[in-house]
C-alpha atoms as a PDB file:
ATOM      1  CA  MET A   1     -66.679  29.766  92.814  1.00  0.00           C
ATOM      2  CA  ASN A   2     -66.384  32.533  90.296  1.00  0.00           C
ATOM      3  CA  LEU A   3     -63.076  33.508  88.749  1.00  0.00           C
ATOM      4  CA  PHE A   4     -62.846  36.831  90.610  1.00  0.00           C
ATOM      5  CA  LEU A   5     -63.233  35.108  93.996  1.00  0.00           C
ATOM      6  CA  LYS A   6     -60.605  32.495  93.088  1.00  0.00           C
ATOM      7  CA  ILE A   7     -58.131  35.195  92.073  1.00  0.00           C
ATOM      8  CA  PHE A   8     -58.880  37.158  95.257  1.00  0.00           C
ATOM      9  CA  LYS A   9     -58.244  34.115  97.458  1.00  0.00           C
ATOM     10  CA  VAL A  10     -54.950  33.329  95.700  1.00  0.00           C
ATOM     11  CA  LEU A  11     -53.774  36.932  96.071  1.00  0.00           C
ATOM     12  CA  GLN A  12     -54.865  37.030  99.709  1.00  0.00           C
ATOM     13  CA  ARG A  13     -52.898  33.870 100.479  1.00  0.00           C
ATOM     14  CA  LYS A  14     -49.792  35.188  98.681  1.00  0.00           C
ATOM     15  CA  ILE A  15     -49.975  38.440 100.639  1.00  0.00           C
ATOM     16  CA  LEU A  16     -50.408  36.578 103.937  1.00  0.00           C
ATOM     17  CA  GLU A  17     -47.438  34.331 103.133  1.00  0.00           C
ATOM     18  CA  GLN A  18     -45.302  37.502 102.987  1.00  0.00           C
ATOM     19  CA  ALA A  19     -46.893  39.085 106.068  1.00  0.00           C
ATOM     20  CA  SER A  20     -45.632  38.877 109.632  1.00  0.00           C
ATOM     21  CA  SER A  21     -46.314  35.834 111.775  1.00  0.00           C
ATOM     22  CA  LYS A  22     -48.568  38.011 113.941  1.00  0.00           C
ATOM     23  CA  THR A  23     -50.696  38.958 110.917  1.00  0.00           C
ATOM     24  CA  ARG A  24     -50.945  35.314 109.795  1.00  0.00           C
ATOM     25  CA  ILE A  25     -52.001  34.243 113.287  1.00  0.00           C
ATOM     26  CA  LYS A  26     -54.688  36.942 113.435  1.00  0.00           C
ATOM     27  CA  TYR A  27     -56.073  35.792 110.074  1.00  0.00           C
ATOM     28  CA  LEU A  28     -55.950  32.088 111.016  1.00  0.00           C
ATOM     29  CA  ARG A  29     -57.774  32.751 114.286  1.00  0.00           C
ATOM     30  CA  LYS A  30     -60.532  34.474 112.288  1.00  0.00           C
ATOM     31  CA  GLN A  31     -60.736  31.307 110.169  1.00  0.00           C
ATOM     32  CA  GLY A  32     -61.300  29.252 113.335  1.00  0.00           C
ATOM     33  CA  VAL A  33     -57.835  27.872 114.146  1.00  0.00           C
ATOM     34  CA  LYS A  34     -57.317  27.869 117.919  1.00  0.00           C
ATOM     35  CA  ILE A  35     -53.808  29.265 118.440  1.00  0.00           C
ATOM     36  CA  GLY A  36     -52.113  29.786 121.810  1.00  0.00           C
ATOM     37  CA  GLN A  37     -49.687  32.499 122.859  1.00  0.00           C
ATOM     38  CA  ASP A  38     -46.137  33.207 121.648  1.00  0.00           C
ATOM     39  CA  CYS A  39     -46.440  31.181 118.419  1.00  0.00           C
ATOM     40  CA  ARG A  40     -44.556  31.695 115.149  1.00  0.00           C
ATOM     41  CA  ILE A  41     -46.351  30.499 112.033  1.00  0.00           C
ATOM     42  CA  TYR A  42     -44.738  30.615 108.577  1.00  0.00           C
ATOM     43  CA  SER A  43     -47.350  28.560 106.715  1.00  0.00           C
ATOM     44  CA  MET A  44     -50.856  29.297 105.462  1.00  0.00           C
ATOM     45  CA  ALA A  45     -51.903  25.699 104.659  1.00  0.00           C
ATOM     46  CA  PHE A  46     -54.513  25.023 107.347  1.00  0.00           C
ATOM     47  CA  SER A  47     -56.925  22.788 105.404  1.00  0.00           C
ATOM     48  CA  THR A  48     -60.470  23.491 104.346  1.00  0.00           C
ATOM     49  CA  GLU A  49     -61.708  22.991 107.929  1.00  0.00           C
ATOM     50  CA  PRO A  50     -59.334  25.199 109.962  1.00  0.00           C
ATOM     51  CA  PHE A  51     -61.738  25.113 112.923  1.00  0.00           C
ATOM     52  CA  LEU A  52     -60.660  21.475 113.509  1.00  0.00           C
ATOM     53  CA  ILE A  53     -57.073  22.576 114.327  1.00  0.00           C
ATOM     54  CA  GLU A  54     -55.857  23.510 117.813  1.00  0.00           C
ATOM     55  CA  ILE A  55     -52.339  24.770 118.492  1.00  0.00           C
ATOM     56  CA  GLY A  56     -50.869  25.294 121.965  1.00  0.00           C
ATOM     57  CA  ASP A  57     -48.505  27.975 123.266  1.00  0.00           C
ATOM     58  CA  ASN A  58     -44.935  28.572 122.031  1.00  0.00           C
ATOM     59  CA  VAL A  59     -45.353  26.592 118.801  1.00  0.00           C
ATOM     60  CA  ALA A  60     -43.188  27.268 115.731  1.00  0.00           C
ATOM     61  CA  ILE A  61     -44.474  26.080 112.349  1.00  0.00           C
ATOM     62  CA  SER A  62     -41.994  26.350 109.466  1.00  0.00           C
ATOM     63  CA  ALA A  63     -42.851  27.232 105.873  1.00  0.00           C
ATOM     64  CA  GLY A  64     -44.333  24.514 103.697  1.00  0.00           C
ATOM     65  CA  THR A  65     -46.012  22.710 106.589  1.00  0.00           C
ATOM     66  CA  GLU A  66     -49.566  21.631 105.765  1.00  0.00           C
ATOM     67  CA  PHE A  67     -52.463  20.571 107.968  1.00  0.00           C
ATOM     68  CA  ILE A  68     -55.059  18.225 106.432  1.00  0.00           C
ATOM     69  CA  THR A  69     -58.301  17.714 108.392  1.00  0.00           C
ATOM     70  CA  HIS A  70     -60.120  15.415 105.976  1.00  0.00           C
ATOM     71  CA  ASP A  71     -59.653  12.315 103.833  1.00  0.00           C
ATOM     72  CA  GLY A  72     -60.394  13.074 100.204  1.00  0.00           C
ATOM     73  CA  SER A  73     -60.065   9.437  99.125  1.00  0.00           C
ATOM     74  CA  VAL A  74     -63.772   8.836  99.837  1.00  0.00           C
ATOM     75  CA  VAL A  75     -64.525  10.473  96.487  1.00  0.00           C
ATOM     76  CA  ILE A  76     -63.801   7.203  94.653  1.00  0.00           C
ATOM     77  CA  PHE A  77     -66.648   5.492  96.548  1.00  0.00           C
ATOM     78  CA  LYS A  78     -69.247   8.175  95.858  1.00  0.00           C
ATOM     79  CA  LYS A  79     -69.983   6.971  92.332  1.00  0.00           C
ATOM     80  CA  ASP A  80     -71.194   3.645  93.717  1.00  0.00           C
ATOM     81  CA  LYS A  81     -73.148   5.401  96.495  1.00  0.00           C
ATOM     82  CA  GLU A  82     -71.204   3.313  99.033  1.00  0.00           C
ATOM     83  CA  ILE A  83     -70.202   6.381 101.033  1.00  0.00           C
ATOM     84  CA  ASP A  84     -72.382   9.452 101.067  1.00  0.00           C
ATOM     85  CA  GLY A  85     -70.215  11.959 102.933  1.00  0.00           C
ATOM     86  CA  GLN A  86     -66.702  12.895 103.962  1.00  0.00           C
ATOM     87  CA  VAL A  87     -64.268  11.774 106.663  1.00  0.00           C
ATOM     88  CA  PHE A  88     -62.954  14.491 108.991  1.00  0.00           C
ATOM     89  CA  GLY A  89     -60.690  14.571 112.030  1.00  0.00           C
ATOM     90  CA  LYS A  90     -59.167  17.014 114.469  1.00  0.00           C
ATOM     91  CA  ILE A  91     -55.525  17.985 114.800  1.00  0.00           C
ATOM     92  CA  LYS A  92     -54.284  18.984 118.249  1.00  0.00           C
ATOM     93  CA  ILE A  93     -50.791  20.348 118.882  1.00  0.00           C
ATOM     94  CA  GLY A  94     -49.450  20.733 122.441  1.00  0.00           C
ATOM     95  CA  ASN A  95     -47.245  23.474 123.879  1.00  0.00           C
ATOM     96  CA  SER A  96     -43.620  24.101 122.860  1.00  0.00           C
ATOM     97  CA  VAL A  97     -43.660  22.176 119.581  1.00  0.00           C
ATOM     98  CA  PHE A  98     -41.394  22.878 116.616  1.00  0.00           C
ATOM     99  CA  PHE A  99     -42.261  21.815 113.039  1.00  0.00           C
ATOM    100  CA  GLY A 100     -39.424  21.624 110.517  1.00  0.00           C
ATOM    101  CA  ILE A 101     -39.963  22.759 106.952  1.00  0.00           C
ATOM    102  CA  ASN A 102     -42.463  20.927 104.685  1.00  0.00           C
ATOM    103  CA  CYS A 103     -44.218  18.702 107.223  1.00  0.00           C
ATOM    104  CA  LEU A 104     -47.607  17.157 106.476  1.00  0.00           C
ATOM    105  CA  ILE A 105     -49.924  16.774 109.469  1.00  0.00           C
ATOM    106  CA  LEU A 106     -52.903  14.503 108.804  1.00  0.00           C
ATOM    107  CA  TYR A 107     -56.310  14.374 110.473  1.00  0.00           C
ATOM    108  CA  ASN A 108     -56.793  12.535 113.799  1.00  0.00           C
ATOM    109  CA  THR A 109     -53.334  13.593 114.990  1.00  0.00           C
ATOM    110  CA  THR A 110     -52.381  14.646 118.508  1.00  0.00           C
ATOM    111  CA  ILE A 111     -48.866  15.844 119.292  1.00  0.00           C
ATOM    112  CA  GLY A 112     -47.892  16.263 122.945  1.00  0.00           C
ATOM    113  CA  ASN A 113     -45.921  19.031 124.625  1.00  0.00           C
ATOM    114  CA  ASN A 114     -42.201  19.695 124.042  1.00  0.00           C
ATOM    115  CA  CYS A 115     -41.939  17.886 120.714  1.00  0.00           C
ATOM    116  CA  VAL A 116     -39.827  18.412 117.604  1.00  0.00           C
ATOM    117  CA  ILE A 117     -41.182  17.343 114.209  1.00  0.00           C
ATOM    118  CA  GLY A 118     -38.417  16.771 111.654  1.00  0.00           C
ATOM    119  CA  ALA A 119     -38.482  18.417 108.228  1.00  0.00           C
ATOM    120  CA  GLY A 120     -40.534  16.597 105.612  1.00  0.00           C
ATOM    121  CA  SER A 121     -42.311  14.325 108.083  1.00  0.00           C
ATOM    122  CA  VAL A 122     -45.758  12.876 107.355  1.00  0.00           C
ATOM    123  CA  VAL A 123     -47.461  12.804 110.749  1.00  0.00           C
ATOM    124  CA  ARG A 124     -50.588  10.897 111.741  1.00  0.00           C
ATOM    125  CA  GLY A 125     -51.509   9.423 115.086  1.00  0.00           C
ATOM    126  CA  HIS A 126     -50.910  10.162 118.743  1.00  0.00           C
ATOM    127  CA  PHE A 127     -47.446  11.206 119.906  1.00  0.00           C
ATOM    128  CA  PRO A 128     -46.412  11.591 123.561  1.00  0.00           C
ATOM    129  CA  ASP A 129     -44.824  14.577 125.285  1.00  0.00           C
ATOM    130  CA  ASP A 130     -41.064  15.111 124.956  1.00  0.00           C
ATOM    131  CA  SER A 131     -40.689  13.320 121.621  1.00  0.00           C
ATOM    132  CA  VAL A 132     -38.552  13.910 118.552  1.00  0.00           C
ATOM    133  CA  ILE A 133     -40.686  12.729 115.645  1.00  0.00           C
ATOM    134  CA  PHE A 134     -39.727  12.331 111.994  1.00  0.00           C
ATOM    135  CA  GLY A 135     -40.063  10.218 108.890  1.00  0.00           C
ATOM    136  CA  ASN A 136     -42.704   8.963 106.479  1.00  0.00           C
ATOM    137  CA  PRO A 137     -44.624   7.671 108.230  1.00  0.00           C
ATOM    138  CA  ALA A 138     -43.469   9.723 111.199  1.00  0.00           C
ATOM    139  CA  ARG A 139     -42.404   7.900 114.339  1.00  0.00           C
ATOM    140  CA  VAL A 140     -40.802   8.775 117.651  1.00  0.00           C
ATOM    141  CA  VAL A 141     -37.031   8.451 117.269  1.00  0.00           C
ATOM    142  CA  MET A 142     -35.819   9.841 120.598  1.00  0.00           C
ATOM    143  CA  LYS A 143     -36.722  11.986 123.582  1.00  0.00           C
ATOM    144  CA  THR A 144     -36.222  15.754 123.365  1.00  0.00           C
ATOM    145  CA  SER A 145     -33.727  15.526 126.246  1.00  0.00           C
ATOM    146  CA  MET A 146     -31.471  13.426 123.984  1.00  0.00           C
ATOM    147  CA  LEU A 147     -31.860  15.957 121.153  1.00  0.00           C
ATOM    148  CA  LYS A 148     -30.898  18.771 123.536  1.00  0.00           C
ATOM    149  CA  MET A 149     -27.724  16.911 124.517  1.00  0.00           C
ATOM    150  CA  LEU A 150     -26.853  16.260 120.854  1.00  0.00           C
ATOM    151  CA  LEU A 151     -27.449  19.907 119.885  1.00  0.00           C
ATOM    152  CA  LYS A 152     -25.264  21.185 122.735  1.00  0.00           C
ATOM    153  CA  GLN A 153     -22.406  18.984 121.470  1.00  0.00           C
ATOM    154  CA  ASN A 154     -22.891  19.778 117.780  1.00  0.00           C
ATOM    155  CA  PRO A 155     -19.793  21.420 116.244  1.00  0.00           C
ATOM    156  CA  GLY A 156     -22.105  23.633 114.177  1.00  0.00           C
ATOM    157  CA  LEU A 157     -23.639  25.304 117.255  1.00  0.00           C
ATOM    158  CA  VAL A 158     -22.950  29.054 117.046  1.00  0.00           C
ATOM    159  CA  GLN A 159     -24.184  31.343 119.835  1.00  0.00           C
ATOM    160  CA  THR A 160     -26.114  33.957 117.818  1.00  0.00           C
ATOM    161  CA  ASP A 161     -28.916  34.893 120.249  1.00  0.00           C
ATOM    162  CA  GLY A 162     -29.138  38.627 120.825  1.00  0.00           C
ATOM    163  CA  LEU A 163     -26.979  39.499 117.821  1.00  0.00           C
ATOM    164  CA  SER A 164     -28.076  41.569 114.842  1.00  0.00           C
ATOM    165  CA  VAL A 165     -28.343  39.746 111.513  1.00  0.00           C
ATOM    166  CA  ALA A 166     -25.040  41.254 110.357  1.00  0.00           C
ATOM    167  CA  GLU A 167     -23.277  40.292 113.604  1.00  0.00           C
ATOM    168  CA  ALA A 168     -24.685  36.757 113.421  1.00  0.00           C
ATOM    169  CA  TYR A 169     -23.564  36.338 109.776  1.00  0.00           C
ATOM    170  CA  ASN A 170     -20.067  37.541 110.654  1.00  0.00           C
ATOM    171  CA  LEU A 171     -19.863  35.111 113.574  1.00  0.00           C
ATOM    172  CA  ILE A 172     -21.140  32.197 111.443  1.00  0.00           C
ATOM    173  CA  LYS A 173     -18.637  32.990 108.685  1.00  0.00           C
ATOM    174  CA  LYS A 174     -15.824  33.164 111.223  1.00  0.00           C
ATOM    175  CA  HIS A 175     -16.937  29.872 112.809  1.00  0.00           C
ATOM    176  CA  PHE A 176     -16.766  28.115 109.423  1.00  0.00           C
ATOM    177  CA  GLY A 177     -13.640  29.903 108.193  1.00  0.00           C
ATOM    178  CA  ILE A 178     -15.385  31.867 105.447  1.00  0.00           C
ATOM    179  CA  GLU A 179     -14.010  35.334 104.744  1.00  0.00           C
END
């Protein structure tokens, strides 16, 4: 790849990282990612084979999350001509899934509906509906119904829906006694 093309791709990615979620989704769909309705995507790291990624409806993907659809480790076996190719796998995300910041989603992964992926998780495998998943390696730690109950009882819960940013900040400051 020539230098001009490399620079163009880096600039394009930087611009898209600052663009709206809608603009990112439009671009990713053109690259082959299957993306459902009402999604929010704050990452641009959709591997070198974006056409192997399928995302359901109402999915939120936080910044820093990366999708990897191949296994680059085969390169060490190429010199001996033991493996003459690459290993690839699909990634399928169900509906109503939330990804915390800086997750790594590896090839051959399926995540069911109504799941929460904790920040920094390294996810590979098949995960059932209604699961809270986190860790390295990621594992199911509870059902989303339990998470909902815990969130409703959390002393840090502040009702900010429908408020402007300024109103929300004022309410948060008041809640925590910050003037």
